[in-house]
C-alpha atoms as a PDB file:
ATOM      1  CA  MET A   1     240.308 202.073 154.446  1.00  0.00           C
ATOM      2  CA  SER A   2     241.127 204.299 157.383  1.00  0.00           C
ATOM      3  CA  ILE A   3     239.043 204.358 160.535  1.00  0.00           C
ATOM      4  CA  HIS A   4     236.894 207.442 160.883  1.00  0.00           C
ATOM      5  CA  TYR A   5     235.934 208.761 164.298  1.00  0.00           C
ATOM      6  CA  PHE A   6     232.866 210.991 164.478  1.00  0.00           C
ATOM      7  CA  SER A   7     232.422 213.895 166.832  1.00  0.00           C
ATOM      8  CA  VAL A   8     228.911 214.330 168.211  1.00  0.00           C
ATOM      9  CA  ASP A   9     228.472 217.409 165.999  1.00  0.00           C
ATOM     10  CA  GLU A  10     229.700 215.604 162.902  1.00  0.00           C
ATOM     11  CA  ALA A  11     227.375 212.646 163.533  1.00  0.00           C
ATOM     12  CA  THR A  12     224.474 215.026 164.127  1.00  0.00           C
ATOM     13  CA  LEU A  13     225.061 216.655 160.740  1.00  0.00           C
ATOM     14  CA  CYS A  14     224.483 213.241 159.115  1.00  0.00           C
ATOM     15  CA  LEU A  15     221.002 212.801 160.599  1.00  0.00           C
ATOM     16  CA  PRO A  16     218.910 214.608 157.939  1.00  0.00           C
ATOM     17  CA  TRP A  17     220.713 212.665 155.219  1.00  0.00           C
ATOM     18  CA  LEU A  18     220.169 209.391 157.102  1.00  0.00           C
ATOM     19  CA  GLU A  19     216.471 210.202 157.540  1.00  0.00           C
ATOM     20  CA  GLU A  20     216.168 210.580 153.744  1.00  0.00           C
ATOM     21  CA  ILE A  21     218.033 207.326 153.109  1.00  0.00           C
ATOM     22  CA  PHE A  22     215.893 205.396 155.604  1.00  0.00           C
ATOM     23  CA  LEU A  23     212.727 206.882 154.120  1.00  0.00           C
ATOM     24  CA  ARG A  24     213.806 205.628 150.689  1.00  0.00           C
ATOM     25  CA  LEU A  25     214.749 202.225 152.135  1.00  0.00           C
ATOM     26  CA  GLY A  26     211.267 201.938 153.623  1.00  0.00           C
ATOM     27  CA  GLU A  27     209.691 202.740 150.276  1.00  0.00           C
ATOM     28  CA  VAL A  28     211.849 200.172 148.495  1.00  0.00           C
ATOM     29  CA  GLU A  29     211.051 197.522 151.112  1.00  0.00           C
ATOM     30  CA  LYS A  30     207.315 198.106 150.535  1.00  0.00           C
ATOM     31  CA  GLU A  31     207.844 197.684 146.796  1.00  0.00           C
ATOM     32  CA  ILE A  32     209.755 194.434 147.372  1.00  0.00           C
ATOM     33  CA  GLN A  33     206.908 193.134 149.548  1.00  0.00           C
ATOM     34  CA  GLN A  34     204.413 193.997 146.820  1.00  0.00           C
ATOM     35  CA  TYR A  35     206.511 192.139 144.242  1.00  0.00           C
ATOM     36  CA  ASN A  36     206.713 189.145 146.579  1.00  0.00           C
ATOM     37  CA  GLN A  37     202.934 189.142 146.949  1.00  0.00           C
ATOM     38  CA  LYS A  38     202.440 189.402 143.178  1.00  0.00           C
ATOM     39  CA  VAL A  39     204.873 186.542 142.553  1.00  0.00           C
ATOM     40  CA  ALA A  40     203.158 184.347 145.146  1.00  0.00           C
ATOM     41  CA  LYS A  41     199.757 185.077 143.585  1.00  0.00           C
ATOM     42  CA  LEU A  42     201.067 184.411 140.072  1.00  0.00           C
ATOM     43  CA  GLN A  43     202.702 181.176 141.199  1.00  0.00           C
ATOM     44  CA  ARG A  44     199.430 179.958 142.689  1.00  0.00           C
ATOM     45  CA  SER A  45     197.511 180.792 139.518  1.00  0.00           C
ATOM     46  CA  GLY A  46     200.265 179.422 137.270  1.00  0.00           C
ATOM     47  CA  HIS A  47     200.245 176.042 138.949  1.00  0.00           C
ATOM     48  CA  ARG A  48     196.575 175.658 138.090  1.00  0.00           C
ATOM     49  CA  ASN A  49     196.862 176.343 134.372  1.00  0.00           C
ATOM     50  CA  GLY A  50     200.605 176.058 133.573  1.00  0.00           C
ATOM     51  CA  SER A  51     200.464 179.256 131.520  1.00  0.00           C
ATOM     52  CA  THR A  52     203.640 180.520 129.837  1.00  0.00           C
ATOM     53  CA  SER A  53     202.401 184.096 130.239  1.00  0.00           C
ATOM     54  CA  VAL A  54     202.155 183.527 133.997  1.00  0.00           C
ATOM     55  CA  GLU A  55     205.732 182.228 134.028  1.00  0.00           C
ATOM     56  CA  GLU A  56     206.867 185.294 132.076  1.00  0.00           C
ATOM     57  CA  SER A  57     204.999 187.572 134.462  1.00  0.00           C
ATOM     58  CA  ILE A  58     206.691 185.883 137.420  1.00  0.00           C
ATOM     59  CA  GLU A  59     210.061 186.351 135.745  1.00  0.00           C
ATOM     60  CA  ASP A  60     209.293 190.045 135.134  1.00  0.00           C
ATOM     61  CA  GLU A  61     208.279 190.573 138.771  1.00  0.00           C
ATOM     62  CA  GLN A  62     211.407 188.809 139.984  1.00  0.00           C
ATOM     63  CA  LYS A  63     213.567 191.061 137.795  1.00  0.00           C
ATOM     64  CA  LEU A  64     211.902 194.109 139.326  1.00  0.00           C
ATOM     65  CA  MET A  65     212.416 192.657 142.797  1.00  0.00           C
ATOM     66  CA  ASP A  66     216.095 191.995 142.037  1.00  0.00           C
ATOM     67  CA  PHE A  67     216.465 195.601 140.890  1.00  0.00           C
ATOM     68  CA  GLU A  68     214.909 196.907 144.116  1.00  0.00           C
ATOM     69  CA  GLU A  69     217.106 194.627 146.221  1.00  0.00           C
ATOM     70  CA  GLY A  70     220.080 196.138 144.392  1.00  0.00           C
ATOM     71  CA  THR A  71     218.745 199.569 145.350  1.00  0.00           C
ATOM     72  CA  VAL A  72     218.729 198.499 149.013  1.00  0.00           C
ATOM     73  CA  ARG A  73     222.331 197.286 148.749  1.00  0.00           C
ATOM     74  CA  ASN A  74     223.407 200.551 147.079  1.00  0.00           C
ATOM     75  CA  LEU A  75     221.725 202.708 149.715  1.00  0.00           C
ATOM     76  CA  LEU A  76     223.304 200.702 152.530  1.00  0.00           C
ATOM     77  CA  LYS A  77     226.680 201.012 150.802  1.00  0.00           C
ATOM     78  CA  LYS A  78     226.288 204.808 150.671  1.00  0.00           C
ATOM     79  CA  ILE A  79     225.860 204.817 154.441  1.00  0.00           C
ATOM     80  CA  ALA A  80     228.786 202.447 155.012  1.00  0.00           C
ATOM     81  CA  ASP A  81     230.992 204.500 152.687  1.00  0.00           C
ATOM     82  CA  ARG A  82     230.647 207.405 155.119  1.00  0.00           C
ATOM     83  CA  GLY A  83     231.898 205.211 157.956  1.00  0.00           C
ATOM     84  CA  ILE A  84     228.474 204.812 159.559  1.00  0.00           C
ATOM     85  CA  LEU A  85     227.579 201.351 160.846  1.00  0.00           C
ATOM     86  CA  VAL A  86     224.050 200.194 160.036  1.00  0.00           C
ATOM     87  CA  ARG A  87     222.809 197.881 162.778  1.00  0.00           C
ATOM     88  CA  ASP A  88     219.188 197.505 161.635  1.00  0.00           C
ATOM     89  CA  TYR A  89     218.005 199.371 158.585  1.00  0.00           C
ATOM     90  CA  SER A  90     214.380 198.340 159.029  1.00  0.00           C
ATOM     91  CA  VAL A  91     214.161 200.569 162.133  1.00  0.00           C
ATOM     92  CA  GLY A  92     216.981 202.965 161.221  1.00  0.00           C
ATOM     93  CA  LEU A  93     219.506 202.005 163.884  1.00  0.00           C
ATOM     94  CA  VAL A  94     223.059 203.194 163.249  1.00  0.00           C
ATOM     95  CA  ASP A  95     226.300 203.677 165.130  1.00  0.00           C
ATOM     96  CA  PHE A  96     229.111 206.163 164.680  1.00  0.00           C
ATOM     97  CA  LEU A  97     232.585 205.291 165.925  1.00  0.00           C
ATOM     98  CA  HIS A  98     233.661 207.861 168.516  1.00  0.00           C
ATOM     99  CA  LYS A  99     236.544 208.481 170.944  1.00  0.00           C
ATOM    100  CA  ARG A 100     235.452 208.905 174.544  1.00  0.00           C
ATOM    101  CA  GLU A 101     238.081 209.256 177.249  1.00  0.00           C
ATOM    102  CA  ASP A 102     240.735 207.677 174.977  1.00  0.00           C
ATOM    103  CA  ARG A 103     238.692 204.595 174.146  1.00  0.00           C
ATOM    104  CA  ASP A 104     236.563 203.580 171.192  1.00  0.00           C
ATOM    105  CA  VAL A 105     232.813 203.731 171.759  1.00  0.00           C
ATOM    106  CA  TYR A 106     229.771 204.039 169.542  1.00  0.00           C
ATOM    107  CA  LEU A 107     227.484 207.005 169.302  1.00  0.00           C
ATOM    108  CA  CYS A 108     224.065 205.475 168.816  1.00  0.00           C
ATOM    109  CA  TRP A 109     221.112 206.863 166.871  1.00  0.00           C
ATOM    110  CA  LEU A 110     217.691 205.430 166.171  1.00  0.00           C
ATOM    111  CA  ARG A 111     215.573 206.910 163.402  1.00  0.00           C
ATOM    112  CA  GLY A 112     213.160 209.437 164.826  1.00  0.00           C
ATOM    113  CA  GLU A 113     215.463 210.639 167.575  1.00  0.00           C
ATOM    114  CA  GLU A 114     216.109 214.352 167.210  1.00  0.00           C
ATOM    115  CA  SER A 115     219.798 214.209 168.007  1.00  0.00           C
ATOM    116  CA  ILE A 116     222.722 212.018 168.942  1.00  0.00           C
ATOM    117  CA  SER A 117     222.007 211.529 172.626  1.00  0.00           C
ATOM    118  CA  PHE A 118     223.396 208.103 173.476  1.00  0.00           C
ATOM    119  CA  TRP A 119     226.590 206.086 173.374  1.00  0.00           C
ATOM    120  CA  TYR A 120     227.690 202.584 174.347  1.00  0.00           C
ATOM    121  CA  GLU A 121     230.849 200.530 174.677  1.00  0.00           C
ATOM    122  CA  THR A 122     231.974 198.661 171.571  1.00  0.00           C
ATOM    123  CA  ASN A 123     231.703 195.339 173.405  1.00  0.00           C
ATOM    124  CA  SER A 124     228.100 195.916 174.461  1.00  0.00           C
ATOM    125  CA  GLY A 125     225.033 196.838 172.470  1.00  0.00           C
ATOM    126  CA  PHE A 126     221.914 198.964 172.060  1.00  0.00           C
ATOM    127  CA  ALA A 127     220.433 197.693 175.336  1.00  0.00           C
ATOM    128  CA  ASN A 128     223.428 199.168 177.188  1.00  0.00           C
ATOM    129  CA  ARG A 129     223.396 202.614 175.656  1.00  0.00           C
ATOM    130  CA  GLN A 130     223.878 205.522 177.991  1.00  0.00           C
ATOM    131  CA  PRO A 131     223.018 209.207 177.738  1.00  0.00           C
ATOM    132  CA  LEU A 132     225.822 211.498 176.594  1.00  0.00           C
END
Protein backbone atom coordinates (compact mmCIF):
# COMPACT_ATOMS: atom_id res chain seq x y z
CA MET A 1 0.00 0.00 0.00
CA SER A 2 1.42 3.36 -0.96
CA ILE A 3 1.61 6.26 1.47
CA HIS A 4 -0.94 8.97 0.79
CA TYR A 5 -0.23 12.56 1.75
CA PHE A 6 -3.24 14.84 2.17
CA SER A 7 -3.33 18.51 1.32
CA VAL A 8 -5.34 20.67 3.70
CA ASP A 9 -8.03 21.05 1.03
CA GLU A 10 -8.17 17.33 0.36
CA ALA A 11 -8.46 16.53 4.08
CA THR A 12 -11.17 19.17 4.46
CA LEU A 13 -13.22 17.52 1.71
CA CYS A 14 -13.30 14.34 3.82
CA LEU A 15 -14.90 16.03 6.84
CA PRO A 16 -18.60 15.70 5.90
CA TRP A 17 -18.06 12.02 5.11
CA LEU A 18 -16.21 11.52 8.41
CA GLU A 19 -19.02 13.27 10.31
CA GLU A 20 -21.50 10.76 8.82
CA ILE A 21 -19.26 7.80 9.68
CA PHE A 22 -18.75 8.98 13.27
CA LEU A 23 -22.49 9.59 13.65
CA ARG A 24 -23.13 5.99 12.58
CA LEU A 25 -20.37 4.72 14.88
CA GLY A 26 -22.03 6.51 17.79
CA GLU A 27 -25.36 4.91 16.97
CA VAL A 28 -23.80 1.46 16.75
CA GLU A 29 -21.96 1.95 20.05
CA LYS A 30 -25.28 2.82 21.74
CA GLU A 31 -26.81 -0.36 20.32
CA ILE A 32 -23.87 -2.42 21.60
CA GLN A 33 -24.30 -0.91 25.07
CA GLN A 34 -27.99 -1.78 25.00
CA TYR A 35 -27.18 -5.37 24.03
CA ASN A 36 -24.63 -5.55 26.84
CA GLN A 37 -27.23 -4.33 29.33
CA LYS A 38 -29.79 -6.85 28.05
CA VAL A 39 -27.28 -9.70 28.29
CA ALA A 40 -26.30 -8.71 31.83
CA LYS A 41 -29.97 -8.57 32.86
CA LEU A 42 -30.71 -11.92 31.20
CA GLN A 43 -27.67 -13.50 32.84
CA ARG A 44 -28.83 -12.34 36.26
CA SER A 45 -32.33 -13.70 35.70
CA GLY A 46 -31.03 -16.90 34.11
CA HIS A 47 -28.86 -17.75 37.08
CA ARG A 48 -31.93 -17.72 39.30
CA ASN A 49 -34.04 -20.13 37.27
CA GLY A 50 -31.59 -21.83 34.85
CA SER A 51 -34.02 -21.33 31.96
CA THR A 52 -33.06 -22.58 28.49
CA SER A 53 -35.07 -19.75 26.94
CA VAL A 54 -32.95 -17.25 28.88
CA GLU A 55 -29.80 -18.93 27.57
CA GLU A 56 -31.17 -18.75 24.03
CA SER A 57 -32.07 -15.10 24.49
CA ILE A 58 -28.54 -14.37 25.71
CA GLU A 59 -27.14 -16.16 22.68
CA ASP A 60 -29.41 -14.13 20.37
CA GLU A 61 -28.33 -10.85 21.99
CA GLN A 62 -24.68 -11.82 21.72
CA LYS A 63 -25.12 -12.58 18.01
CA LEU A 64 -26.63 -9.14 17.50
CA MET A 65 -23.78 -7.59 19.48
CA ASP A 66 -21.22 -9.48 17.37
CA PHE A 67 -22.91 -8.18 14.22
CA GLU A 68 -22.76 -4.58 15.48
CA GLU A 69 -19.11 -4.98 16.48
CA GLY A 70 -18.47 -6.14 12.91
CA THR A 71 -20.19 -2.96 11.72
CA VAL A 72 -17.77 -0.90 13.83
CA ARG A 73 -14.79 -2.75 12.34
CA ASN A 74 -16.12 -2.23 8.80
CA LEU A 75 -16.70 1.49 9.33
CA LEU A 76 -13.22 1.94 10.78
CA LYS A 77 -11.78 0.01 7.83
CA LYS A 78 -13.55 2.37 5.40
CA ILE A 79 -11.77 5.29 7.06
CA ALA A 80 -8.40 3.51 7.09
CA ASP A 81 -8.81 2.51 3.44
CA ARG A 82 -8.78 6.21 2.55
CA GLY A 83 -5.46 6.64 4.35
CA ILE A 84 -6.97 8.44 7.34
CA LEU A 85 -5.65 7.47 10.77
CA VAL A 86 -8.30 7.02 13.45
CA ARG A 87 -6.84 7.93 16.84
CA ASP A 88 -10.03 7.74 18.92
CA TYR A 89 -13.30 6.93 17.23
CA SER A 90 -15.37 7.52 20.36
CA VAL A 91 -14.63 11.26 20.10
CA GLY A 92 -13.92 11.38 16.36
CA LEU A 93 -10.20 12.13 16.45
CA VAL A 94 -8.35 11.52 13.19
CA ASP A 95 -5.07 12.41 11.54
CA PHE A 96 -4.14 12.92 7.91
CA LEU A 97 -0.54 12.45 6.82
CA HIS A 98 0.75 15.70 5.34
CA LYS A 99 4.02 17.18 4.03
CA ARG A 100 5.06 20.38 5.75
CA GLU A 101 8.39 21.96 4.88
CA ASP A 102 9.69 18.63 3.48
CA ARG A 103 8.84 16.61 6.57
CA ASP A 104 5.98 14.31 7.50
CA VAL A 105 3.45 15.75 9.93
CA TYR A 106 -0.16 15.05 10.78
CA LEU A 107 -3.09 17.29 10.06
CA CYS A 108 -5.34 16.82 13.05
CA TRP A 109 -9.14 16.97 13.20
CA LEU A 110 -11.54 16.41 16.05
CA ARG A 111 -15.21 15.80 15.32
CA GLY A 112 -17.14 19.03 15.59
CA GLU A 113 -14.34 21.24 14.36
CA GLU A 114 -15.43 23.12 11.25
CA SER A 115 -12.19 22.71 9.36
CA ILE A 116 -8.68 21.32 9.41
CA SER A 117 -6.98 23.93 11.56
CA PHE A 118 -4.21 22.08 13.38
CA TRP A 119 -1.15 19.96 12.76
CA TYR A 120 1.50 18.24 14.86
CA GLU A 121 4.79 16.42 14.44
CA THR A 122 4.59 12.67 13.88
CA ASN A 123 6.63 12.04 17.03
CA SER A 124 4.33 14.07 19.26
CA GLY A 125 0.59 13.93 19.78
CA PHE A 126 -2.74 15.72 20.09
CA ALA A 127 -1.55 17.73 23.10
CA ASN A 128 1.17 19.28 20.92
CA ARG A 129 -0.98 20.29 17.98
CA GLN A 130 -0.39 23.71 16.54
CA PRO A 131 -2.53 26.03 14.43
CA LEU A 132 -1.92 25.91 10.69
